[in-house]
Protein backbone atom coordinates (compact mmCIF):
# COMPACT_ATOMS: atom_id res chain seq x y z
CA MET A 1 0.00 0.00 0.00
CA ILE A 2 2.75 2.47 0.94
CA GLY A 3 4.65 1.49 -2.21
CA MET A 4 1.56 2.12 -4.35
CA VAL A 5 1.12 5.61 -2.91
CA PHE A 6 4.73 6.52 -3.69
CA LEU A 7 4.32 4.99 -7.16
CA VAL A 8 1.37 7.33 -7.83
CA PHE A 9 3.52 10.26 -6.67
CA PHE A 10 6.47 9.43 -8.93
CA ILE A 11 4.22 8.73 -11.94
CA THR A 12 2.53 12.14 -11.61
CA LEU A 13 5.95 13.81 -11.39
CA ALA A 14 7.23 11.81 -14.38
CA VAL A 15 4.39 13.01 -16.63
CA GLY A 16 5.17 16.63 -15.76
CA VAL A 17 2.56 17.46 -13.13
CA PRO A 18 3.77 20.36 -10.91
CA ILE A 19 4.95 19.03 -7.57
CA GLY A 20 2.35 20.91 -5.49
CA ILE A 21 -0.51 19.39 -7.52
CA ALA A 22 1.23 15.98 -7.66
CA LEU A 23 1.34 15.87 -3.86
CA GLY A 24 -2.37 16.74 -3.64
CA ILE A 25 -3.30 14.03 -6.16
CA THR A 26 -1.20 11.49 -4.26
CA GLY A 27 -2.87 12.43 -0.98
CA LEU A 28 -6.29 11.90 -2.56
CA SER A 29 -5.24 8.60 -4.14
CA ALA A 30 -4.54 6.99 -0.76
CA SER A 31 -8.24 6.73 0.14
CA ILE A 32 -8.98 5.26 -3.31
CA LEU A 33 -6.30 2.62 -2.86
CA ASP A 34 -7.52 1.91 0.68
CA PRO A 35 -11.21 2.83 1.26
CA MET A 36 -10.75 2.22 5.00
CA LEU A 37 -8.30 5.13 5.22
CA PRO A 38 -10.08 8.34 6.36
CA ALA A 39 -8.10 10.49 3.88
CA ASN A 40 -11.01 11.45 1.62
CA ALA A 41 -11.36 14.70 -0.34
CA SER A 42 -12.85 16.52 2.64
CA TYR A 43 -9.91 15.46 4.83
CA VAL A 44 -7.35 16.54 2.23
CA PHE A 45 -8.78 20.00 1.58
CA ARG A 46 -9.51 20.68 5.26
CA ASN A 47 -5.91 19.82 6.16
CA MET A 48 -4.56 21.97 3.32
CA VAL A 49 -6.28 24.95 4.92
CA THR A 50 -5.11 24.14 8.44
CA ALA A 51 -1.54 23.60 7.17
CA LEU A 52 -1.44 27.24 6.06
CA ASP A 53 -3.06 28.50 9.27
CA SER A 54 0.31 28.91 10.96
CA TYR A 55 1.89 31.97 12.57
CA SER A 56 5.42 30.65 11.89
CA LEU A 57 4.61 30.13 8.20
CA LEU A 58 3.97 33.88 7.80
CA ALA A 59 7.75 34.31 7.91
CA VAL A 60 8.13 32.63 4.49
CA PRO A 61 6.39 35.23 2.26
CA LEU A 62 7.77 38.04 4.43
CA PHE A 63 11.39 36.91 4.02
CA ILE A 64 10.78 36.47 0.28
CA LEU A 65 9.50 40.07 0.10
CA SER A 66 12.39 41.36 2.20
CA GLY A 67 14.95 39.55 0.02
CA ASN A 68 13.39 40.93 -3.17
CA LEU A 69 13.40 44.47 -1.79
CA MET A 70 17.07 44.14 -0.83
CA ALA A 71 17.93 42.72 -4.27
CA LYS A 72 16.15 45.58 -6.03
CA GLY A 73 17.88 48.02 -3.69
CA GLY A 74 21.35 46.87 -4.79
CA ILE A 75 22.38 45.66 -1.34
CA SER A 76 24.60 42.86 -2.73
CA LYS A 77 26.90 45.37 -4.51
CA LYS A 78 27.53 47.28 -1.29
CA LEU A 79 28.30 44.06 0.60
CA PHE A 80 30.69 42.89 -2.12
CA ASP A 81 32.57 46.20 -2.22
CA PHE A 82 33.04 46.10 1.56
CA PHE A 83 34.60 42.62 1.54
CA ALA A 84 36.60 43.32 -1.63
CA TYR A 85 38.13 46.35 0.13
CA PHE A 86 39.90 44.00 2.55
CA VAL A 87 40.79 40.99 0.37
CA GLY A 88 40.65 42.34 -3.19
CA LYS A 89 44.45 42.46 -3.58
CA LYS A 90 45.15 38.97 -2.24
CA THR A 91 45.21 35.71 -4.22
CA ALA A 92 41.59 34.74 -5.03
CA GLY A 93 40.52 37.88 -3.17
CA LEU A 94 37.53 38.77 -5.33
CA PRO A 95 36.18 35.19 -5.63
CA ILE A 96 36.50 34.96 -1.84
CA ALA A 97 34.65 38.29 -1.52
CA ALA A 98 31.87 36.88 -3.74
CA ILE A 99 31.51 33.76 -1.54
CA ILE A 100 31.41 35.88 1.63
CA THR A 101 28.82 38.13 -0.02
CA CYS A 102 26.66 35.04 -0.66
CA LEU A 103 27.02 34.18 3.04
CA PHE A 104 25.87 37.62 4.12
CA TYR A 105 23.16 37.88 1.48
CA GLY A 106 21.85 34.51 2.66
CA ALA A 107 21.26 36.22 5.99
CA ILE A 108 18.93 38.60 4.15
CA SER A 109 17.02 36.52 1.62
CA GLY A 110 16.74 32.99 3.09
CA SER A 111 16.63 31.65 -0.49
CA GLY A 112 19.27 29.97 -2.67
CA PRO A 113 18.04 31.14 -6.11
CA ALA A 114 17.48 34.68 -4.76
CA THR A 115 21.07 34.77 -3.50
CA VAL A 116 22.40 33.61 -6.88
CA ALA A 117 20.30 36.21 -8.70
CA ALA A 118 21.26 39.13 -6.45
CA VAL A 119 24.96 38.36 -6.08
CA GLY A 120 25.53 36.78 -9.49
CA ALA A 121 23.99 39.64 -11.49
CA MET A 122 26.67 41.92 -10.09
CA THR A 123 29.72 39.68 -9.50
CA ILE A 124 29.72 37.46 -12.62
CA PRO A 125 30.19 40.31 -15.18
CA LEU A 126 32.70 42.08 -12.89
CA LEU A 127 34.89 39.04 -12.24
CA VAL A 128 34.85 38.03 -15.91
CA GLN A 129 35.88 41.58 -16.83
CA LEU A 130 38.76 41.28 -14.37
CA GLY A 131 40.12 38.17 -16.06
CA TYR A 132 38.49 35.20 -14.31
CA LYS A 133 37.03 32.43 -16.47
CA LYS A 134 33.29 32.74 -16.88
CA ASP A 135 32.65 29.03 -16.25
CA PHE A 136 34.53 29.14 -12.94
CA VAL A 137 32.85 32.32 -11.70
CA THR A 138 29.34 31.20 -12.67
CA ALA A 139 29.76 27.75 -11.07
CA MET A 140 31.16 29.34 -7.91
CA VAL A 141 28.25 31.76 -7.48
CA ALA A 142 25.69 29.06 -8.29
CA THR A 143 27.13 26.79 -5.57
CA ALA A 144 27.69 29.57 -3.03
CA GLY A 145 24.06 30.56 -3.53
CA GLY A 146 23.17 27.33 -1.70
CA LEU A 147 24.43 29.04 1.45
CA GLY A 148 21.28 31.17 1.24
CA VAL A 149 19.21 28.31 2.69
CA ILE A 150 21.71 27.40 5.43
CA ILE A 151 22.69 30.79 6.82
CA PRO A 152 19.64 32.09 8.72
CA PRO A 153 17.03 33.28 8.10
CA SER A 154 16.33 30.15 6.06
CA ILE A 155 12.99 29.25 4.50
CA PRO A 156 13.80 25.47 4.59
CA PHE A 157 14.57 25.77 8.33
CA ILE A 158 11.15 27.35 8.87
CA ILE A 159 9.49 24.46 7.03
CA TYR A 160 11.53 21.85 8.94
CA GLY A 161 10.54 23.53 12.20
CA LEU A 162 6.86 23.35 11.24
CA SER A 163 7.18 19.70 10.24
CA SER A 164 9.23 18.52 13.22
CA GLY A 165 7.84 20.77 15.95
CA GLU A 166 11.34 22.10 16.72
CA SER A 167 12.07 25.76 17.45
CA VAL A 168 12.66 27.77 14.26
CA GLY A 169 14.80 30.21 16.26
CA ALA A 170 17.02 27.36 17.48
CA LEU A 171 17.35 26.06 13.91
CA PHE A 172 18.37 29.53 12.72
CA ILE A 173 21.11 29.71 15.36
CA ALA A 174 22.24 26.15 14.59
CA GLY A 175 22.70 27.03 10.91
CA VAL A 176 25.27 29.78 11.47
CA LEU A 177 28.44 27.73 12.05
CA PRO A 178 27.64 25.07 9.40
CA GLY A 179 27.08 27.85 6.85
CA ILE A 180 30.42 29.44 7.74
CA LEU A 181 32.14 26.03 7.57
CA ILE A 182 30.78 25.37 4.06
CA GLY A 183 31.83 28.87 3.00
CA LEU A 184 35.38 28.22 4.28
CA CYS A 185 35.59 24.91 2.39
CA MET A 186 34.56 26.70 -0.81
CA ILE A 187 37.08 29.48 -0.16
CA VAL A 188 39.87 26.89 0.15
CA TYR A 189 39.05 25.53 -3.31
CA ALA A 190 38.72 29.03 -4.82
CA TYR A 191 42.18 29.88 -3.46
CA TYR A 192 43.64 26.64 -4.85
CA TYR A 193 42.06 27.25 -8.28
CA CYS A 194 43.33 30.84 -8.53
CA LYS A 195 46.80 29.85 -7.32
CA LYS A 196 46.92 27.10 -9.94
CA THR A 197 45.51 29.01 -12.93
CA GLY A 198 46.83 32.48 -12.10
CA GLU A 199 45.12 35.88 -12.11
CA ASP A 200 45.38 39.14 -14.05
CA LYS A 201 47.21 41.08 -11.35
CA GLU A 202 47.22 44.31 -13.36
CA LYS A 203 43.45 44.45 -13.68
CA LEU A 204 42.96 43.40 -10.06
CA GLU A 205 45.38 46.07 -8.86
CA LYS A 206 43.49 48.76 -10.80
CA ASN A 207 40.13 47.61 -9.41
CA TYR A 208 41.54 47.45 -5.89
CA ASN A 209 42.98 50.98 -6.12
CA GLU A 210 39.56 52.29 -7.17
CA LEU A 211 38.06 50.84 -3.98
CA ARG A 212 40.91 52.12 -1.81
CA LYS A 213 40.25 55.67 -3.03
CA LEU A 214 36.97 55.62 -1.13
CA GLY A 215 38.85 54.88 2.09
CA PHE A 216 37.72 52.61 4.89
CA PHE A 217 35.15 55.02 6.28
CA GLY A 218 33.78 55.75 2.82
CA ILE A 219 33.25 52.02 2.15
CA LEU A 220 31.84 51.51 5.65
CA LYS A 221 29.42 54.41 5.18
CA GLU A 222 28.17 52.93 1.90
CA SER A 223 27.81 49.38 3.21
CA PHE A 224 26.93 49.99 6.88
CA TRP A 225 23.16 49.62 6.51
CA ALA A 226 23.56 46.49 4.39
CA LEU A 227 25.94 44.94 6.95
CA LEU A 228 23.51 45.80 9.75
CA THR A 229 20.69 43.72 8.22
CA PRO A 230 21.78 40.26 9.49
CA VAL A 231 22.74 41.79 12.83
CA ILE A 232 19.19 43.08 13.32
CA ILE A 233 17.53 39.86 12.16
CA LEU A 234 19.76 37.33 13.91
CA GLY A 235 20.53 39.52 16.91
CA GLY A 236 16.83 39.97 17.59
CA ILE A 237 16.16 36.22 17.37
CA TYR A 238 19.31 35.15 19.25
CA GLY A 239 18.67 37.73 21.98
CA GLY A 240 15.11 36.51 22.46
CA VAL A 241 13.73 39.94 21.56
CA VAL A 242 11.67 38.77 18.58
CA THR A 243 10.37 35.52 17.10
CA PRO A 244 11.44 34.53 13.56
CA THR A 245 8.09 35.74 12.21
CA GLU A 246 8.48 39.09 13.97
CA ALA A 247 12.05 39.29 12.62
CA ALA A 248 10.63 38.74 9.12
CA ASN A 249 8.27 41.69 9.65
CA ILE A 250 11.15 43.84 10.86
CA SER A 251 13.30 42.82 7.88
CA VAL A 252 10.60 44.00 5.44
CA ILE A 253 10.25 47.37 7.18
CA TYR A 254 14.03 47.73 7.41
CA ALA A 255 14.45 46.86 3.71
CA LEU A 256 11.86 49.51 2.79
CA ILE A 257 13.50 52.21 4.91
CA VAL A 258 17.04 51.46 3.69
CA SER A 259 16.13 51.12 0.00
CA LEU A 260 13.70 54.06 -0.13
CA PHE A 261 15.21 56.68 2.17
CA ILE A 262 18.89 55.82 2.79
CA TYR A 263 20.20 54.34 -0.46
CA LYS A 264 17.28 55.75 -2.49
CA SER A 265 17.74 52.86 -4.91
CA ILE A 266 14.04 52.08 -5.49
CA THR A 267 10.86 54.07 -6.00
CA ILE A 268 7.31 53.63 -4.72
CA LYS A 269 6.27 52.36 -8.14
CA GLU A 270 9.01 49.72 -8.07
CA ILE A 271 7.85 48.58 -4.62
CA VAL A 272 4.50 47.65 -6.14
CA GLU A 273 6.26 45.52 -8.77
CA VAL A 274 8.52 43.90 -6.15
CA THR A 275 5.44 43.05 -4.07
CA LYS A 276 3.76 41.45 -7.09
CA ASP A 277 6.92 39.40 -7.81
CA SER A 278 7.05 38.30 -4.17
CA ILE A 279 3.42 37.16 -4.30
CA ARG A 280 4.14 35.20 -7.49
CA SER A 281 7.10 33.56 -5.73
CA SER A 282 5.26 32.88 -2.47
CA ALA A 283 2.07 31.32 -3.88
CA PRO A 284 3.72 28.17 -5.34
CA VAL A 285 5.74 27.74 -2.13
CA LEU A 286 2.61 27.86 0.03
CA LEU A 287 0.79 25.45 -2.29
CA VAL A 288 3.65 22.96 -1.91
CA VAL A 289 3.59 23.45 1.88
CA ALA A 290 -0.18 22.80 2.01
CA THR A 291 -0.21 19.68 -0.17
CA ALA A 292 3.06 18.24 1.19
CA THR A 293 1.75 18.64 4.75
CA VAL A 294 -1.37 16.69 3.80
CA PHE A 295 0.76 14.02 2.11
CA GLY A 296 2.83 13.72 5.30
CA ARG A 297 -0.32 13.34 7.40
CA VAL A 298 -1.63 10.67 5.05
CA LEU A 299 1.64 8.76 5.42
CA THR A 300 1.25 9.04 9.19
CA LEU A 301 -2.28 7.60 8.98
CA MET A 302 -0.77 4.69 7.04
CA GLN A 303 1.95 4.36 9.74
CA ALA A 304 4.57 4.67 6.99
CA PRO A 305 7.20 6.45 9.16
CA GLN A 306 7.11 3.70 11.79
CA GLN A 307 7.28 0.90 9.20
CA ILE A 308 10.17 2.48 7.29
CA ALA A 309 12.06 3.26 10.50
CA GLU A 310 11.61 -0.30 11.74
CA ALA A 311 12.74 -1.75 8.40
CA ILE A 312 15.93 0.35 8.34
CA THR A 313 16.94 -0.13 11.99
CA SER A 314 16.24 -3.87 11.92
CA ALA A 315 18.29 -4.37 8.75
CA ILE A 316 21.25 -2.15 9.75
CA SER A 317 22.71 -2.03 13.26
CA SER A 318 25.50 0.51 12.76
CA PRO A 319 24.44 4.13 13.45
CA ILE A 320 27.26 5.40 11.21
CA VAL A 321 26.05 3.31 8.26
CA ILE A 322 22.46 4.47 8.85
CA MET A 323 23.57 8.12 8.85
CA LEU A 324 25.55 7.61 5.63
CA ILE A 325 22.54 5.96 3.98
CA ILE A 326 20.25 8.81 5.07
CA ASN A 327 22.76 11.34 3.73
CA LEU A 328 22.98 9.53 0.39
CA PHE A 329 19.20 9.29 0.15
CA LEU A 330 18.77 13.00 0.91
CA LEU A 331 21.40 13.92 -1.67
CA ILE A 332 19.59 11.90 -4.34
CA VAL A 333 16.18 13.31 -3.36
CA GLY A 334 17.61 16.83 -3.47
CA MET A 335 18.58 16.26 -7.11
CA VAL A 336 15.06 15.37 -8.23
CA MET A 337 12.63 16.99 -5.81
CA GLU A 338 11.82 20.53 -4.70
CA THR A 339 13.48 21.24 -1.33
CA LEU A 340 10.43 22.25 0.72
CA ALA A 341 8.38 19.28 -0.46
CA ALA A 342 11.27 16.93 0.37
CA ILE A 343 11.50 18.32 3.91
CA LEU A 344 7.77 18.00 4.56
CA ILE A 345 7.61 14.44 3.19
CA LEU A 346 10.84 13.04 4.64
CA THR A 347 10.93 14.66 8.09
CA PRO A 348 8.12 12.47 9.53
CA ILE A 349 9.82 9.40 8.00
CA PHE A 350 13.37 10.01 9.24
CA LEU A 351 12.63 11.70 12.58
CA PRO A 352 11.74 8.45 14.42
CA ILE A 353 14.97 6.90 13.12
CA ILE A 354 17.28 9.69 14.23
CA VAL A 355 15.55 9.93 17.62
CA GLN A 356 16.11 6.20 18.06
CA LEU A 357 19.80 6.75 17.22
CA GLY A 358 19.99 9.46 19.89
CA MET A 359 20.59 12.29 17.40
CA ASN A 360 19.40 15.79 18.27
CA PRO A 361 16.49 16.77 15.94
CA ILE A 362 18.00 20.27 15.54
CA HIS A 363 21.29 18.72 14.39
CA PHE A 364 19.37 16.48 11.98
CA GLY A 365 17.47 19.49 10.61
CA VAL A 366 20.76 21.20 9.75
CA MET A 367 22.09 18.01 8.17
CA MET A 368 18.92 17.60 6.10
CA VAL A 369 18.93 21.19 4.81
CA VAL A 370 22.65 21.03 3.93
CA ASN A 371 22.04 17.82 1.96
CA LEU A 372 19.11 19.29 0.09
CA ALA A 373 21.04 22.51 -0.56
CA VAL A 374 23.38 20.46 -2.78
CA GLY A 375 20.29 19.81 -4.93
CA PHE A 376 20.27 23.50 -5.87
CA VAL A 377 23.36 22.90 -8.03
CA THR A 378 22.70 19.38 -9.36
CA PRO A 379 20.55 18.55 -12.39
CA PRO A 380 17.76 18.00 -13.20
CA VAL A 381 16.03 20.28 -10.62
CA GLY A 382 19.03 22.51 -9.68
CA MET A 383 17.28 25.89 -9.48
CA ASN A 384 20.56 27.75 -8.86
CA LEU A 385 21.94 26.32 -12.11
CA TYR A 386 19.01 27.68 -14.13
CA VAL A 387 19.26 31.11 -12.50
CA ALA A 388 23.02 31.24 -13.13
CA SER A 389 22.55 30.00 -16.69
CA SER A 390 19.99 32.71 -17.46
CA MET A 391 22.43 35.39 -16.27
CA SER A 392 25.60 34.04 -17.89
CA GLY A 393 24.31 32.33 -21.05
CA ILE A 394 26.28 29.17 -20.15
CA PRO A 395 24.38 25.86 -20.56
CA VAL A 396 23.16 24.29 -17.33
CA MET A 397 25.16 21.07 -17.71
CA ARG A 398 28.39 22.99 -18.31
CA ILE A 399 27.85 24.99 -15.12
CA ALA A 400 27.14 21.74 -13.24
CA LYS A 401 30.41 20.25 -14.53
CA HIS A 402 32.47 23.20 -13.33
CA ALA A 403 30.55 23.29 -10.04
CA LEU A 404 31.69 19.76 -9.16
CA PRO A 405 34.83 20.81 -7.17
CA PHE A 406 32.72 23.27 -5.16
CA ILE A 407 30.12 20.52 -4.57
CA ILE A 408 32.94 18.27 -3.27
CA ALA A 409 33.92 21.06 -0.86
CA PHE A 410 30.24 21.26 0.16
CA PHE A 411 30.23 17.47 0.71
CA ILE A 412 33.37 17.55 2.89
CA ALA A 413 31.67 20.13 5.10
CA LEU A 414 28.52 17.98 5.16
CA MET A 415 30.45 14.99 6.53
CA ILE A 416 31.93 17.17 9.29
CA ILE A 417 28.46 18.56 10.10
CA THR A 418 26.99 15.03 10.20
CA PHE A 419 29.55 13.43 12.49
CA VAL A 420 30.57 16.44 14.62
CA PRO A 421 27.27 17.56 16.21
CA GLN A 422 28.86 20.51 18.00
CA VAL A 423 29.28 22.33 14.68
CA SER A 424 25.49 22.72 14.70
CA LEU A 425 24.80 22.75 18.43
CA LEU A 426 27.67 24.83 19.86
CA LEU A 427 25.86 28.19 19.69
CA LEU A 428 22.77 26.70 21.34
CA GLY A 429 24.75 26.21 24.57
């Protein structure tokens, strides 16, 4: 019965049905396959409504709006210039500045594709102009964009919190060190690549001197309000002053004030367009959340999580092997399934297993999101690849090929995160 339900799901995906609708159809099919199951049409639609009736879920469209406002306001350029001021003259300085910018922009947008779009639109043409190979730069930004869902605020962390019942604020805090670790692993490869292939020192020197003319205080003045954004969001959550949803509200207001009155980079008319774009981005996300939540509840009615957990733990006794299998499974799922749907479907299945192994659910949430973040730069789903391709004109598969070393760096960090729990839990005390 459980196998038949998953078969329906994969068939609907294979014929091109959008994942949000595919999940709804699969939820409805369960009661047809088993008339004794109380998951009829009334149950499905009622639970879709209740799934969206969540205070924590409000943070998702708000962070999307905030990220879009910041992108339109040119915040990424100011962040990049600030970091380039310090490392722009060193080996791999500007690629490193681009990776750090993705880290900081992730603390604004909470979205991988949004981070790629905002940072890539500015850094890819600049770095190519300064002599770096277009394939390398595009692949780097596409992979670093995955940091947008690990560094808080993170939309996948919000969804995992809703699905698991864990604190979203705690998940946000737990994502900080893993995000920095992944960024450092990527920086190591960027340094190695630039050391091996060489750089156009003359062009870099000229660009660096242009930045130095502004002086430290000039650069700080330009970038101060952009740098303050993650401090306000994370500081408020970490200090217990605001909830993640309240922080999302604050981030929208802050983005409006900074973009409209301080940087004056957007107009009232543009705000209307940004709001429309944010609604268009949020609606599919919320549909997936609603239908995936119902699908998860249907699986619970069928006792699928307990059966799968029992099958895995009875067949494999080694916790290390189980964790490696879960990692591999999540990596594969991330390649073929939308991240939020994967979290909502798989959390109820894997949570009983990791609890039985004695693993902290917060630690597991970080591990799950890091795994699925790799899916942003792996075909066929790979949203970051498509965003980067649209900006650079490079075919998706070529970007994926050049992204492989960065993905390996991502994977090395993932193994450390998986088997060294303190990387995720240290800041939680």
